[in-house]
């Protein structure tokens, strides 16, 4: 059974509408409020509006880290607050570069729904 978090606020970032829908259906019930964003600027704005318990950065679908300008600033801006990065196996070399901006949990994709739910739950509890 999926844990239900009644007081958790989350922000999910990925430009692909299908990826956002998949996350919403898999993990949406784990949050009392989940904001889906398709641009780094929108994610930054959502983070600035209210305290956010978990920022999920889904890097799947991007071919170059340069396409993700601003992702490091999002991680740095969290100042140690929970961040979960989802990264395709073929781009796992991006992770050490992103780690220079701050700490985060990550999962290499593809990831099964129950694994993703477990990762979100762990990040929310940290």
PDB file of N, CA and C in Angstrom:
ATOM      1  N   UNK A   1       0.830  -1.185   0.000  1.00  0.00           N
ATOM      2  CA  UNK A   1       0.000   0.000   0.000  1.00  0.00           C
ATOM      3  C   UNK A   1       0.871   1.243   0.000  1.00  0.00           C
ATOM      4  N   UNK A   2       0.494   2.207  -0.830  1.00  0.00           N
ATOM      5  CA  UNK A   2       1.292   3.412  -0.954  1.00  0.00           C
ATOM      6  C   UNK A   2       1.062   4.318   0.254  1.00  0.00           C
ATOM      7  N   UNK A   3       2.153   4.824   0.865  1.00  0.00           N
ATOM      8  CA  UNK A   3       1.989   5.740   1.984  1.00  0.00           C
ATOM      9  C   UNK A   3       1.285   7.009   1.514  1.00  0.00           C
ATOM     10  N   UNK A   4       0.458   7.563   2.353  1.00  0.00           N
ATOM     11  CA  UNK A   4      -0.237   8.797   2.013  1.00  0.00           C
ATOM     12  C   UNK A   4       0.265   9.896   2.930  1.00  0.00           C
ATOM     13  N   UNK A   5       0.839  10.918   2.356  1.00  0.00           N
ATOM     14  CA  UNK A   5       1.414  12.016   3.121  1.00  0.00           C
ATOM     15  C   UNK A   5       0.459  13.201   3.043  1.00  0.00           C
ATOM     16  N   UNK A   6      -0.193  13.529   4.112  1.00  0.00           N
ATOM     17  CA  UNK A   6      -1.205  14.575   4.040  1.00  0.00           C
ATOM     18  C   UNK A   6      -0.624  15.977   4.104  1.00  0.00           C
ATOM     19  N   UNK A   7       0.602  16.128   4.589  1.00  0.00           N
ATOM     20  CA  UNK A   7       1.160  17.468   4.754  1.00  0.00           C
ATOM     21  C   UNK A   7       2.389  17.727   3.892  1.00  0.00           C
ATOM     22  N   UNK A   8       2.657  16.896   2.909  1.00  0.00           N
ATOM     23  CA  UNK A   8       3.867  17.049   2.110  1.00  0.00           C
ATOM     24  C   UNK A   8       3.598  17.860   0.848  1.00  0.00           C
ATOM     25  N   UNK A   9       4.515  18.781   0.589  1.00  0.00           N
ATOM     26  CA  UNK A   9       4.440  19.614  -0.606  1.00  0.00           C
ATOM     27  C   UNK A   9       5.609  19.230  -1.508  1.00  0.00           C
ATOM     28  N   UNK A  10       5.327  18.991  -2.790  1.00  0.00           N
ATOM     29  CA  UNK A  10       6.378  18.603  -3.718  1.00  0.00           C
ATOM     30  C   UNK A  10       6.360  19.429  -4.988  1.00  0.00           C
ATOM     31  N   UNK A  11       7.517  19.503  -5.633  1.00  0.00           N
ATOM     32  CA  UNK A  11       7.657  20.116  -6.947  1.00  0.00           C
ATOM     33  C   UNK A  11       8.367  19.097  -7.830  1.00  0.00           C
ATOM     34  N   UNK A  12       7.789  18.836  -9.004  1.00  0.00           N
ATOM     35  CA  UNK A  12       8.363  17.883  -9.968  1.00  0.00           C
ATOM     36  C   UNK A  12       8.722  18.642 -11.235  1.00  0.00           C
ATOM     37  N   UNK A  13       9.944  18.410 -11.731  1.00  0.00           N
ATOM     38  CA  UNK A  13      10.410  19.085 -12.945  1.00  0.00           C
ATOM     39  C   UNK A  13      10.741  18.074 -14.042  1.00  0.00           C
ATOM     40  N   UNK A  14      10.120  18.229 -15.187  1.00  0.00           N
ATOM     41  CA  UNK A  14      10.503  17.576 -16.441  1.00  0.00           C
ATOM     42  C   UNK A  14       9.706  18.251 -17.546  1.00  0.00           C
ATOM     43  N   UNK A  15      10.346  18.508 -18.692  1.00  0.00           N
ATOM     44  CA  UNK A  15       9.676  19.213 -19.780  1.00  0.00           C
ATOM     45  C   UNK A  15       8.637  18.359 -20.496  1.00  0.00           C
ATOM     46  N   UNK A  16       8.721  17.038 -20.355  1.00  0.00           N
ATOM     47  CA  UNK A  16       7.835  16.134 -21.087  1.00  0.00           C
ATOM     48  C   UNK A  16       6.543  15.897 -20.315  1.00  0.00           C
ATOM     49  N   UNK A  17       5.426  16.226 -20.934  1.00  0.00           N
ATOM     50  CA  UNK A  17       4.128  16.065 -20.293  1.00  0.00           C
ATOM     51  C   UNK A  17       3.827  14.641 -19.898  1.00  0.00           C
ATOM     52  N   UNK A  18       4.267  13.677 -20.694  1.00  0.00           N
ATOM     53  CA  UNK A  18       4.037  12.274 -20.371  1.00  0.00           C
ATOM     54  C   UNK A  18       4.794  11.873 -19.105  1.00  0.00           C
ATOM     55  N   UNK A  19       6.029  12.350 -18.965  1.00  0.00           N
ATOM     56  CA  UNK A  19       6.810  12.048 -17.755  1.00  0.00           C
ATOM     57  C   UNK A  19       6.128  12.657 -16.524  1.00  0.00           C
ATOM     58  N   UNK A  20       5.622  13.882 -16.671  1.00  0.00           N
ATOM     59  CA  UNK A  20       4.935  14.518 -15.543  1.00  0.00           C
ATOM     60  C   UNK A  20       3.688  13.724 -15.167  1.00  0.00           C
ATOM     61  N   UNK A  21       2.932  13.269 -16.175  1.00  0.00           N
ATOM     62  CA  UNK A  21       1.720  12.474 -15.908  1.00  0.00           C
ATOM     63  C   UNK A  21       2.056  11.159 -15.221  1.00  0.00           C
ATOM     64  N   UNK A  22       3.138  10.511 -15.664  1.00  0.00           N
ATOM     65  CA  UNK A  22       3.552   9.244 -15.056  1.00  0.00           C
ATOM     66  C   UNK A  22       3.898   9.432 -13.582  1.00  0.00           C
ATOM     67  N   UNK A  23       4.620  10.510 -13.283  1.00  0.00           N
ATOM     68  CA  UNK A  23       4.978  10.751 -11.885  1.00  0.00           C
ATOM     69  C   UNK A  23       3.735  11.065 -11.062  1.00  0.00           C
ATOM     70  N   UNK A  24       2.852  11.872 -11.623  1.00  0.00           N
ATOM     71  CA  UNK A  24       1.614  12.228 -10.927  1.00  0.00           C
ATOM     72  C   UNK A  24       0.814  10.979 -10.569  1.00  0.00           C
ATOM     73  N   UNK A  25       0.679  10.061 -11.537  1.00  0.00           N
ATOM     74  CA  UNK A  25      -0.122   8.857 -11.270  1.00  0.00           C
ATOM     75  C   UNK A  25       0.593   7.903 -10.323  1.00  0.00           C
ATOM     76  N   UNK A  26       1.916   7.876 -10.361  1.00  0.00           N
ATOM     77  CA  UNK A  26       2.689   6.971  -9.506  1.00  0.00           C
ATOM     78  C   UNK A  26       2.804   7.489  -8.078  1.00  0.00           C
ATOM     79  N   UNK A  27       3.082   8.780  -7.929  1.00  0.00           N
ATOM     80  CA  UNK A  27       3.464   9.311  -6.615  1.00  0.00           C
ATOM     81  C   UNK A  27       2.616  10.492  -6.138  1.00  0.00           C
ATOM     82  N   UNK A  28       1.676  10.940  -6.940  1.00  0.00           N
ATOM     83  CA  UNK A  28       0.903  12.129  -6.588  1.00  0.00           C
ATOM     84  C   UNK A  28       0.199  12.045  -5.252  1.00  0.00           C
ATOM     85  N   UNK A  29      -0.287  10.856  -4.902  1.00  0.00           N
ATOM     86  CA  UNK A  29      -1.023  10.688  -3.648  1.00  0.00           C
ATOM     87  C   UNK A  29      -0.125  10.779  -2.418  1.00  0.00           C
ATOM     88  N   UNK A  30       1.164  10.799  -2.626  1.00  0.00           N
ATOM     89  CA  UNK A  30       2.097  10.897  -1.504  1.00  0.00           C
ATOM     90  C   UNK A  30       2.250  12.342  -1.025  1.00  0.00           C
ATOM     91  N   UNK A  31       1.645  13.271  -1.750  1.00  0.00           N
ATOM     92  CA  UNK A  31       1.760  14.698  -1.437  1.00  0.00           C
ATOM     93  C   UNK A  31       0.377  15.296  -1.215  1.00  0.00           C
ATOM     94  N   UNK A  32       0.290  16.267  -0.308  1.00  0.00           N
ATOM     95  CA  UNK A  32      -0.957  17.023  -0.189  1.00  0.00           C
ATOM     96  C   UNK A  32      -1.038  18.035  -1.319  1.00  0.00           C
ATOM     97  N   UNK A  33       0.124  18.489  -1.792  1.00  0.00           N
ATOM     98  CA  UNK A  33       0.177  19.406  -2.930  1.00  0.00           C
ATOM     99  C   UNK A  33       1.411  19.071  -3.757  1.00  0.00           C
ATOM    100  N   UNK A  34       1.206  18.873  -5.055  1.00  0.00           N
ATOM    101  CA  UNK A  34       2.295  18.550  -5.979  1.00  0.00           C
ATOM    102  C   UNK A  34       2.193  19.464  -7.182  1.00  0.00           C
ATOM    103  N   UNK A  35       3.222  20.269  -7.381  1.00  0.00           N
ATOM    104  CA  UNK A  35       3.275  21.193  -8.509  1.00  0.00           C
ATOM    105  C   UNK A  35       4.135  20.579  -9.597  1.00  0.00           C
ATOM    106  N   UNK A  36       3.575  20.473 -10.797  1.00  0.00           N
ATOM    107  CA  UNK A  36       4.311  19.929 -11.937  1.00  0.00           C
ATOM    108  C   UNK A  36       4.853  21.092 -12.766  1.00  0.00           C
ATOM    109  N   UNK A  37       6.154  21.065 -13.059  1.00  0.00           N
ATOM    110  CA  UNK A  37       6.764  22.165 -13.821  1.00  0.00           C
ATOM    111  C   UNK A  37       7.519  21.613 -15.022  1.00  0.00           C
ATOM    112  N   UNK A  38       7.503  22.398 -16.098  1.00  0.00           N
ATOM    113  CA  UNK A  38       8.195  21.975 -17.314  1.00  0.00           C
ATOM    114  C   UNK A  38       9.414  22.828 -17.626  1.00  0.00           C
ATOM    115  N   UNK A  39       9.631  23.894 -16.871  1.00  0.00           N
ATOM    116  CA  UNK A  39      10.788  24.772 -17.075  1.00  0.00           C
ATOM    117  C   UNK A  39      11.497  24.974 -15.745  1.00  0.00           C
ATOM    118  N   UNK A  40      12.805  25.165 -15.801  1.00  0.00           N
ATOM    119  CA  UNK A  40      13.584  25.420 -14.592  1.00  0.00           C
ATOM    120  C   UNK A  40      13.054  26.661 -13.885  1.00  0.00           C
ATOM    121  N   UNK A  41      12.703  27.697 -14.668  1.00  0.00           N
ATOM    122  CA  UNK A  41      12.209  28.938 -14.074  1.00  0.00           C
ATOM    123  C   UNK A  41      10.914  28.696 -13.306  1.00  0.00           C
ATOM    124  N   UNK A  42      10.037  27.855 -13.841  1.00  0.00           N
ATOM    125  CA  UNK A  42       8.770  27.549 -13.162  1.00  0.00           C
ATOM    126  C   UNK A  42       9.027  26.768 -11.883  1.00  0.00           C
ATOM    127  N   UNK A  43      10.003  25.870 -11.903  1.00  0.00           N
ATOM    128  CA  UNK A  43      10.356  25.132 -10.689  1.00  0.00           C
ATOM    129  C   UNK A  43      10.889  26.095  -9.628  1.00  0.00           C
ATOM    130  N   UNK A  44      11.751  27.028 -10.041  1.00  0.00           N
ATOM    131  CA  UNK A  44      12.297  28.007  -9.099  1.00  0.00           C
ATOM    132  C   UNK A  44      11.174  28.859  -8.512  1.00  0.00           C
ATOM    133  N   UNK A  45      10.217  29.264  -9.349  1.00  0.00           N
ATOM    134  CA  UNK A  45       9.089  30.069  -8.866  1.00  0.00           C
ATOM    135  C   UNK A  45       8.250  29.281  -7.869  1.00  0.00           C
ATOM    136  N   UNK A  46       8.001  28.006  -8.162  1.00  0.00           N
ATOM    137  CA  UNK A  46       7.205  27.170  -7.255  1.00  0.00           C
ATOM    138  C   UNK A  46       7.918  26.998  -5.913  1.00  0.00           C
ATOM    139  N   UNK A  47       9.233  26.868  -5.952  1.00  0.00           N
ATOM    140  CA  UNK A  47      10.007  26.716  -4.716  1.00  0.00           C
ATOM    141  C   UNK A  47       9.974  27.992  -3.882  1.00  0.00           C
ATOM    142  N   UNK A  48       9.834  29.139  -4.569  1.00  0.00           N
ATOM    143  CA  UNK A  48       9.825  30.418  -3.869  1.00  0.00           C
ATOM    144  C   UNK A  48       8.482  30.773  -3.257  1.00  0.00           C
ATOM    145  N   UNK A  49       7.412  30.103  -3.664  1.00  0.00           N
ATOM    146  CA  UNK A  49       6.072  30.452  -3.202  1.00  0.00           C
ATOM    147  C   UNK A  49       5.759  29.944  -1.804  1.00  0.00           C
ATOM    148  N   UNK A  50       6.283  28.786  -1.438  1.00  0.00           N
ATOM    149  CA  UNK A  50       5.953  28.167  -0.148  1.00  0.00           C
ATOM    150  C   UNK A  50       7.041  27.150   0.182  1.00  0.00           C
ATOM    151  N   UNK A  51       7.118  26.755   1.440  1.00  0.00           N
ATOM    152  CA  UNK A  51       8.077  25.700   1.793  1.00  0.00           C
ATOM    153  C   UNK A  51       7.728  24.404   1.048  1.00  0.00           C
ATOM    154  N   UNK A  52       8.734  23.778   0.478  1.00  0.00           N
ATOM    155  CA  UNK A  52       8.553  22.545  -0.297  1.00  0.00           C
ATOM    156  C   UNK A  52       9.342  21.438   0.383  1.00  0.00           C
ATOM    157  N   UNK A  53       8.658  20.319   0.625  1.00  0.00           N
ATOM    158  CA  UNK A  53       9.295  19.192   1.305  1.00  0.00           C
ATOM    159  C   UNK A  53      10.234  18.405   0.406  1.00  0.00           C
ATOM    160  N   UNK A  54       9.910  18.337  -0.897  1.00  0.00           N
ATOM    161  CA  UNK A  54      10.731  17.540  -1.819  1.00  0.00           C
ATOM    162  C   UNK A  54      10.692  18.140  -3.217  1.00  0.00           C
ATOM    163  N   UNK A  55      11.879  18.343  -3.784  1.00  0.00           N
ATOM    164  CA  UNK A  55      12.038  18.736  -5.183  1.00  0.00           C
ATOM    165  C   UNK A  55      12.489  17.506  -5.949  1.00  0.00           C
ATOM    166  N   UNK A  56      11.741  17.118  -6.988  1.00  0.00           N
ATOM    167  CA  UNK A  56      12.105  15.978  -7.833  1.00  0.00           C
ATOM    168  C   UNK A  56      12.523  16.526  -9.193  1.00  0.00           C
ATOM    169  N   UNK A  57      13.772  16.272  -9.562  1.00  0.00           N
ATOM    170  CA  UNK A  57      14.315  16.705 -10.847  1.00  0.00           C
ATOM    171  C   UNK A  57      14.459  15.484 -11.738  1.00  0.00           C
ATOM    172  N   UNK A  58      13.593  15.375 -12.728  1.00  0.00           N
ATOM    173  CA  UNK A  58      13.620  14.241 -13.649  1.00  0.00           C
ATOM    174  C   UNK A  58      14.377  14.678 -14.900  1.00  0.00           C
ATOM    175  N   UNK A  59      15.596  14.176 -15.065  1.00  0.00           N
ATOM    176  CA  UNK A  59      16.463  14.588 -16.169  1.00  0.00           C
ATOM    177  C   UNK A  59      16.290  13.710 -17.403  1.00  0.00           C
ATOM    178  N   UNK A  60      15.356  12.780 -17.363  1.00  0.00           N
ATOM    179  CA  UNK A  60      15.110  11.911 -18.509  1.00  0.00           C
ATOM    180  C   UNK A  60      14.569  12.726 -19.671  1.00  0.00           C
ATOM    181  N   UNK A  61      15.108  12.439 -20.856  1.00  0.00           N
ATOM    182  CA  UNK A  61      14.671  13.148 -22.047  1.00  0.00           C
ATOM    183  C   UNK A  61      15.627  14.239 -22.473  1.00  0.00           C
ATOM    184  N   UNK A  62      16.566  14.576 -21.621  1.00  0.00           N
ATOM    185  CA  UNK A  62      17.558  15.587 -21.966  1.00  0.00           C
ATOM    186  C   UNK A  62      18.795  14.889 -22.500  1.00  0.00           C
ATOM    187  N   UNK A  63      19.386  15.474 -23.520  1.00  0.00           N
ATOM    188  CA  UNK A  63      20.553  14.847 -24.147  1.00  0.00           C
ATOM    189  C   UNK A  63      21.869  15.473 -23.707  1.00  0.00           C
ATOM    190  N   UNK A  64      21.811  16.721 -23.244  1.00  0.00           N
ATOM    191  CA  UNK A  64      23.023  17.395 -22.803  1.00  0.00           C
ATOM    192  C   UNK A  64      22.720  18.123 -21.508  1.00  0.00           C
ATOM    193  N   UNK A  65      23.672  18.102 -20.606  1.00  0.00           N
ATOM    194  CA  UNK A  65      23.480  18.795 -19.340  1.00  0.00           C
ATOM    195  C   UNK A  65      23.300  20.293 -19.568  1.00  0.00           C
ATOM    196  N   UNK A  66      23.882  20.831 -20.650  1.00  0.00           N
ATOM    197  CA  UNK A  66      23.729  22.261 -20.938  1.00  0.00           C
ATOM    198  C   UNK A  66      22.268  22.640 -21.163  1.00  0.00           C
ATOM    199  N   UNK A  67      21.425  21.670 -21.573  1.00  0.00           N
ATOM    200  CA  UNK A  67      19.994  21.931 -21.726  1.00  0.00           C
ATOM    201  C   UNK A  67      19.345  22.185 -20.379  1.00  0.00           C
ATOM    202  N   UNK A  68      20.050  21.830 -19.326  1.00  0.00           N
ATOM    203  CA  UNK A  68      19.500  21.900 -17.980  1.00  0.00           C
ATOM    204  C   UNK A  68      20.092  23.065 -17.197  1.00  0.00           C
ATOM    205  N   UNK A  69      20.461  24.136 -17.898  1.00  0.00           N
ATOM    206  CA  UNK A  69      20.998  25.306 -17.210  1.00  0.00           C
ATOM    207  C   UNK A  69      20.016  25.715 -16.124  1.00  0.00           C
ATOM    208  N   UNK A  70      20.531  25.919 -14.947  1.00  0.00           N
ATOM    209  CA  UNK A  70      19.681  26.313 -13.840  1.00  0.00           C
ATOM    210  C   UNK A  70      19.369  25.182 -12.882  1.00  0.00           C
ATOM    211  N   UNK A  71      19.552  23.919 -13.304  1.00  0.00           N
ATOM    212  CA  UNK A  71      19.271  22.797 -12.408  1.00  0.00           C
ATOM    213  C   UNK A  71      20.207  22.842 -11.196  1.00  0.00           C
ATOM    214  N   UNK A  72      21.463  23.158 -11.430  1.00  0.00           N
ATOM    215  CA  UNK A  72      22.408  23.274 -10.316  1.00  0.00           C
ATOM    216  C   UNK A  72      21.982  24.347  -9.326  1.00  0.00           C
ATOM    217  N   UNK A  73      21.465  25.463  -9.851  1.00  0.00           N
ATOM    218  CA  UNK A  73      20.994  26.538  -8.970  1.00  0.00           C
ATOM    219  C   UNK A  73      19.799  26.078  -8.139  1.00  0.00           C
ATOM    220  N   UNK A  74      18.930  25.240  -8.720  1.00  0.00           N
ATOM    221  CA  UNK A  74      17.798  24.700  -7.955  1.00  0.00           C
ATOM    222  C   UNK A  74      18.304  23.843  -6.796  1.00  0.00           C
ATOM    223  N   UNK A  75      19.307  22.994  -7.094  1.00  0.00           N
ATOM    224  CA  UNK A  75      19.881  22.129  -6.057  1.00  0.00           C
ATOM    225  C   UNK A  75      20.540  22.988  -4.977  1.00  0.00           C
ATOM    226  N   UNK A  76      21.335  23.987  -5.386  1.00  0.00           N
ATOM    227  CA  UNK A  76      22.017  24.857  -4.428  1.00  0.00           C
ATOM    228  C   UNK A  76      20.992  25.609  -3.571  1.00  0.00           C
ATOM    229  N   UNK A  77      19.928  26.063  -4.197  1.00  0.00           N
ATOM    230  CA  UNK A  77      18.906  26.820  -3.484  1.00  0.00           C
ATOM    231  C   UNK A  77      18.181  26.024  -2.421  1.00  0.00           C
ATOM    232  N   UNK A  78      18.209  24.710  -2.523  1.00  0.00           N
ATOM    233  CA  UNK A  78      17.560  23.860  -1.520  1.00  0.00           C
ATOM    234  C   UNK A  78      18.362  23.815  -0.218  1.00  0.00           C
ATOM    235  N   UNK A  79      19.634  24.177  -0.281  1.00  0.00           N
ATOM    236  CA  UNK A  79      20.493  24.286   0.910  1.00  0.00           C
ATOM    237  C   UNK A  79      20.387  23.055   1.817  1.00  0.00           C
ATOM    238  N   UNK A  80      20.413  21.879   1.205  1.00  0.00           N
ATOM    239  CA  UNK A  80      20.381  20.638   1.971  1.00  0.00           C
ATOM    240  C   UNK A  80      18.992  20.054   2.156  1.00  0.00           C
ATOM    241  N   UNK A  81      17.926  20.804   1.817  1.00  0.00           N
ATOM    242  CA  UNK A  81      16.568  20.259   1.885  1.00  0.00           C
ATOM    243  C   UNK A  81      16.442  19.169   0.824  1.00  0.00           C
ATOM    244  N   UNK A  82      15.518  18.218   1.007  1.00  0.00           N
ATOM    245  CA  UNK A  82      15.461  17.048   0.132  1.00  0.00           C
ATOM    246  C   UNK A  82      15.264  17.341  -1.362  1.00  0.00           C
ATOM    247  N   UNK A  83      16.140  16.710  -2.162  1.00  0.00           N
ATOM    248  CA  UNK A  83      16.076  16.735  -3.628  1.00  0.00           C
ATOM    249  C   UNK A  83      16.248  15.292  -4.085  1.00  0.00           C
ATOM    250  N   UNK A  84      15.420  14.878  -5.036  1.00  0.00           N
ATOM    251  CA  UNK A  84      15.554  13.559  -5.662  1.00  0.00           C
ATOM    252  C   UNK A  84      15.769  13.780  -7.145  1.00  0.00           C
ATOM    253  N   UNK A  85      16.897  13.283  -7.658  1.00  0.00           N
ATOM    254  CA  UNK A  85      17.219  13.407  -9.079  1.00  0.00           C
ATOM    255  C   UNK A  85      16.991  12.054  -9.739  1.00  0.00           C
ATOM    256  N   UNK A  86      16.219  12.072 -10.827  1.00  0.00           N
ATOM    257  CA  UNK A  86      16.008  10.876 -11.652  1.00  0.00           C
ATOM    258  C   UNK A  86      16.827  11.064 -12.904  1.00  0.00           C
ATOM    259  N   UNK A  87      17.724  10.124 -13.181  1.00  0.00           N
ATOM    260  CA  UNK A  87      18.672  10.298 -14.281  1.00  0.00           C
ATOM    261  C   UNK A  87      18.779   9.008 -15.082  1.00  0.00           C
ATOM    262  N   UNK A  88      18.716   9.129 -16.393  1.00  0.00           N
ATOM    263  CA  UNK A  88      18.877   7.976 -17.264  1.00  0.00           C
ATOM    264  C   UNK A  88      20.292   7.413 -17.118  1.00  0.00           C
ATOM    265  N   UNK A  89      20.397   6.097 -17.219  1.00  0.00           N
ATOM    266  CA  UNK A  89      21.687   5.420 -17.080  1.00  0.00           C
ATOM    267  C   UNK A  89      22.739   6.037 -17.994  1.00  0.00           C
ATOM    268  N   UNK A  90      22.370   6.308 -19.239  1.00  0.00           N
ATOM    269  CA  UNK A  90      23.364   6.802 -20.198  1.00  0.00           C
ATOM    270  C   UNK A  90      23.870   8.201 -19.866  1.00  0.00           C
ATOM    271  N   UNK A  91      23.214   8.891 -18.936  1.00  0.00           N
ATOM    272  CA  UNK A  91      23.657  10.229 -18.537  1.00  0.00           C
ATOM    273  C   UNK A  91      24.090  10.286 -17.079  1.00  0.00           C
ATOM    274  N   UNK A  92      24.381   9.127 -16.488  1.00  0.00           N
ATOM    275  CA  UNK A  92      24.756   9.100 -15.075  1.00  0.00           C
ATOM    276  C   UNK A  92      26.057   9.867 -14.800  1.00  0.00           C
ATOM    277  N   UNK A  93      26.843  10.133 -15.830  1.00  0.00           N
ATOM    278  CA  UNK A  93      28.062  10.930 -15.658  1.00  0.00           C
ATOM    279  C   UNK A  93      27.735  12.372 -15.259  1.00  0.00           C
ATOM    280  N   UNK A  94      26.479  12.794 -15.441  1.00  0.00           N
ATOM    281  CA  UNK A  94      26.077  14.143 -15.016  1.00  0.00           C
ATOM    282  C   UNK A  94      26.041  14.267 -13.505  1.00  0.00           C
ATOM    283  N   UNK A  95      25.813  13.158 -12.807  1.00  0.00           N
ATOM    284  CA  UNK A  95      25.568  13.216 -11.362  1.00  0.00           C
ATOM    285  C   UNK A  95      26.719  13.838 -10.576  1.00  0.00           C
ATOM    286  N   UNK A  96      27.981  13.444 -10.812  1.00  0.00           N
ATOM    287  CA  UNK A  96      29.065  14.080 -10.052  1.00  0.00           C
ATOM    288  C   UNK A  96      29.130  15.591 -10.283  1.00  0.00           C
ATOM    289  N   UNK A  97      28.860  16.020 -11.506  1.00  0.00           N
ATOM    290  CA  UNK A  97      28.868  17.458 -11.790  1.00  0.00           C
ATOM    291  C   UNK A  97      27.760  18.166 -10.996  1.00  0.00           C
ATOM    292  N   UNK A  98      26.583  17.552 -10.974  1.00  0.00           N
ATOM    293  CA  UNK A  98      25.479  18.156 -10.222  1.00  0.00           C
ATOM    294  C   UNK A  98      25.744  18.138  -8.717  1.00  0.00           C
ATOM    295  N   UNK A  99      26.502  17.148  -8.240  1.00  0.00           N
ATOM    296  CA  UNK A  99      26.796  17.061  -6.805  1.00  0.00           C
ATOM    297  C   UNK A  99      27.637  18.234  -6.321  1.00  0.00           C
ATOM    298  N   UNK A 100      28.306  18.920  -7.226  1.00  0.00           N
ATOM    299  CA  UNK A 100      29.080  20.094  -6.809  1.00  0.00           C
ATOM    300  C   UNK A 100      28.162  21.224  -6.348  1.00  0.00           C
ATOM    301  N   UNK A 101      26.868  21.161  -6.684  1.00  0.00           N
ATOM    302  CA  UNK A 101      25.910  22.201  -6.294  1.00  0.00           C
ATOM    303  C   UNK A 101      25.266  21.922  -4.939  1.00  0.00           C
ATOM    304  N   UNK A 102      25.354  20.700  -4.470  1.00  0.00           N
ATOM    305  CA  UNK A 102      24.739  20.370  -3.187  1.00  0.00           C
ATOM    306  C   UNK A 102      24.349  18.909  -3.141  1.00  0.00           C
ATOM    307  N   UNK A 103      23.816  18.505  -1.997  1.00  0.00           N
ATOM    308  CA  UNK A 103      23.499  17.089  -1.807  1.00  0.00           C
ATOM    309  C   UNK A 103      22.107  16.769  -2.348  1.00  0.00           C
ATOM    310  N   UNK A 104      21.961  15.547  -2.840  1.00  0.00           N
ATOM    311  CA  UNK A 104      20.664  15.051  -3.304  1.00  0.00           C
ATOM    312  C   UNK A 104      20.711  13.537  -3.348  1.00  0.00           C
ATOM    313  N   UNK A 105      19.527  12.952  -3.297  1.00  0.00           N
ATOM    314  CA  UNK A 105      19.389  11.523  -3.545  1.00  0.00           C
ATOM    315  C   UNK A 105      19.160  11.356  -5.039  1.00  0.00           C
ATOM    316  N   UNK A 106      19.473  10.191  -5.572  1.00  0.00           N
ATOM    317  CA  UNK A 106      19.221   9.971  -6.996  1.00  0.00           C
ATOM    318  C   UNK A 106      18.841   8.527  -7.248  1.00  0.00           C
ATOM    319  N   UNK A 107      18.186   8.331  -8.356  1.00  0.00           N
ATOM    320  CA  UNK A 107      17.875   6.997  -8.855  1.00  0.00           C
ATOM    321  C   UNK A 107      18.206   6.984 -10.342  1.00  0.00           C
ATOM    322  N   UNK A 108      18.827   5.896 -10.770  1.00  0.00           N
ATOM    323  CA  UNK A 108      19.135   5.696 -12.186  1.00  0.00           C
ATOM    324  C   UNK A 108      17.902   5.078 -12.839  1.00  0.00           C
ATOM    325  N   UNK A 109      17.476   5.659 -13.941  1.00  0.00           N
ATOM    326  CA  UNK A 109      16.283   5.190 -14.659  1.00  0.00           C
ATOM    327  C   UNK A 109      16.680   4.279 -15.812  1.00  0.00           C
ATOM    328  N   UNK A 110      15.826   3.376 -16.195  1.00  0.00           N
ATOM    329  CA  UNK A 110      14.433   3.264 -15.762  1.00  0.00           C
ATOM    330  C   UNK A 110      14.315   2.703 -14.349  1.00  0.00           C
ATOM    331  N   UNK A 111      13.260   3.133 -13.658  1.00  0.00           N
ATOM    332  CA  UNK A 111      12.996   2.699 -12.291  1.00  0.00           C
ATOM    333  C   UNK A 111      11.538   2.248 -12.219  1.00  0.00           C
ATOM    334  N   UNK A 112      11.293   1.166 -11.500  1.00  0.00           N
ATOM    335  CA  UNK A 112       9.936   0.648 -11.357  1.00  0.00           C
ATOM    336  C   UNK A 112       9.129   1.561 -10.436  1.00  0.00           C
ATOM    337  N   UNK A 113       7.804   1.562 -10.604  1.00  0.00           N
ATOM    338  CA  UNK A 113       6.951   2.437  -9.806  1.00  0.00           C
ATOM    339  C   UNK A 113       7.151   2.253  -8.311  1.00  0.00           C
ATOM    340  N   UNK A 114       7.235   0.995  -7.852  1.00  0.00           N
ATOM    341  CA  UNK A 114       7.382   0.794  -6.404  1.00  0.00           C
ATOM    342  C   UNK A 114       8.732   1.298  -5.909  1.00  0.00           C
ATOM    343  N   UNK A 115       9.765   1.203  -6.743  1.00  0.00           N
ATOM    344  CA  UNK A 115      11.077   1.734  -6.380  1.00  0.00           C
ATOM    345  C   UNK A 115      11.028   3.260  -6.306  1.00  0.00           C
ATOM    346  N   UNK A 116      10.304   3.875  -7.245  1.00  0.00           N
ATOM    347  CA  UNK A 116      10.177   5.326  -7.255  1.00  0.00           C
ATOM    348  C   UNK A 116       9.399   5.793  -6.018  1.00  0.00           C
ATOM    349  N   UNK A 117       8.333   5.097  -5.695  1.00  0.00           N
ATOM    350  CA  UNK A 117       7.555   5.449  -4.505  1.00  0.00           C
ATOM    351  C   UNK A 117       8.418   5.330  -3.247  1.00  0.00           C
ATOM    352  N   UNK A 118       9.222   4.279  -3.181  1.00  0.00           N
ATOM    353  CA  UNK A 118      10.105   4.086  -2.033  1.00  0.00           C
ATOM    354  C   UNK A 118      11.135   5.220  -1.951  1.00  0.00           C
ATOM    355  N   UNK A 119      11.689   5.625  -3.083  1.00  0.00           N
ATOM    356  CA  UNK A 119      12.672   6.716  -3.115  1.00  0.00           C
ATOM    357  C   UNK A 119      12.041   8.023  -2.649  1.00  0.00           C
ATOM    358  N   UNK A 120      10.807   8.284  -3.097  1.00  0.00           N
ATOM    359  CA  UNK A 120      10.102   9.503  -2.690  1.00  0.00           C
ATOM    360  C   UNK A 120       9.832   9.465  -1.190  1.00  0.00           C
ATOM    361  N   UNK A 121       9.370   8.334  -0.701  1.00  0.00           N
ATOM    362  CA  UNK A 121       9.071   8.201   0.731  1.00  0.00           C
ATOM    363  C   UNK A 121      10.332   8.409   1.560  1.00  0.00           C
ATOM    364  N   UNK A 122      11.451   7.823   1.124  1.00  0.00           N
ATOM    365  CA  UNK A 122      12.713   7.981   1.851  1.00  0.00           C
ATOM    366  C   UNK A 122      13.150   9.450   1.876  1.00  0.00           C
ATOM    367  N   UNK A 123      12.997  10.128   0.723  1.00  0.00           N
ATOM    368  CA  UNK A 123      13.390  11.540   0.638  1.00  0.00           C
ATOM    369  C   UNK A 123      12.487  12.406   1.523  1.00  0.00           C
ATOM    370  N   UNK A 124      11.208  12.094   1.568  1.00  0.00           N
ATOM    371  CA  UNK A 124      10.282  12.860   2.401  1.00  0.00           C
ATOM    372  C   UNK A 124      10.565  12.664   3.884  1.00  0.00           C
ATOM    373  N   UNK A 125      11.099  11.521   4.242  1.00  0.00           N
ATOM    374  CA  UNK A 125      11.371  11.211   5.647  1.00  0.00           C
ATOM    375  C   UNK A 125      12.751  11.699   6.091  1.00  0.00           C
ATOM    376  N   UNK A 126      13.552  12.147   5.142  1.00  0.00           N
ATOM    377  CA  UNK A 126      14.930  12.549   5.512  1.00  0.00           C
ATOM    378  C   UNK A 126      14.964  13.939   6.120  1.00  0.00           C
TER     379      UNK A 126
END
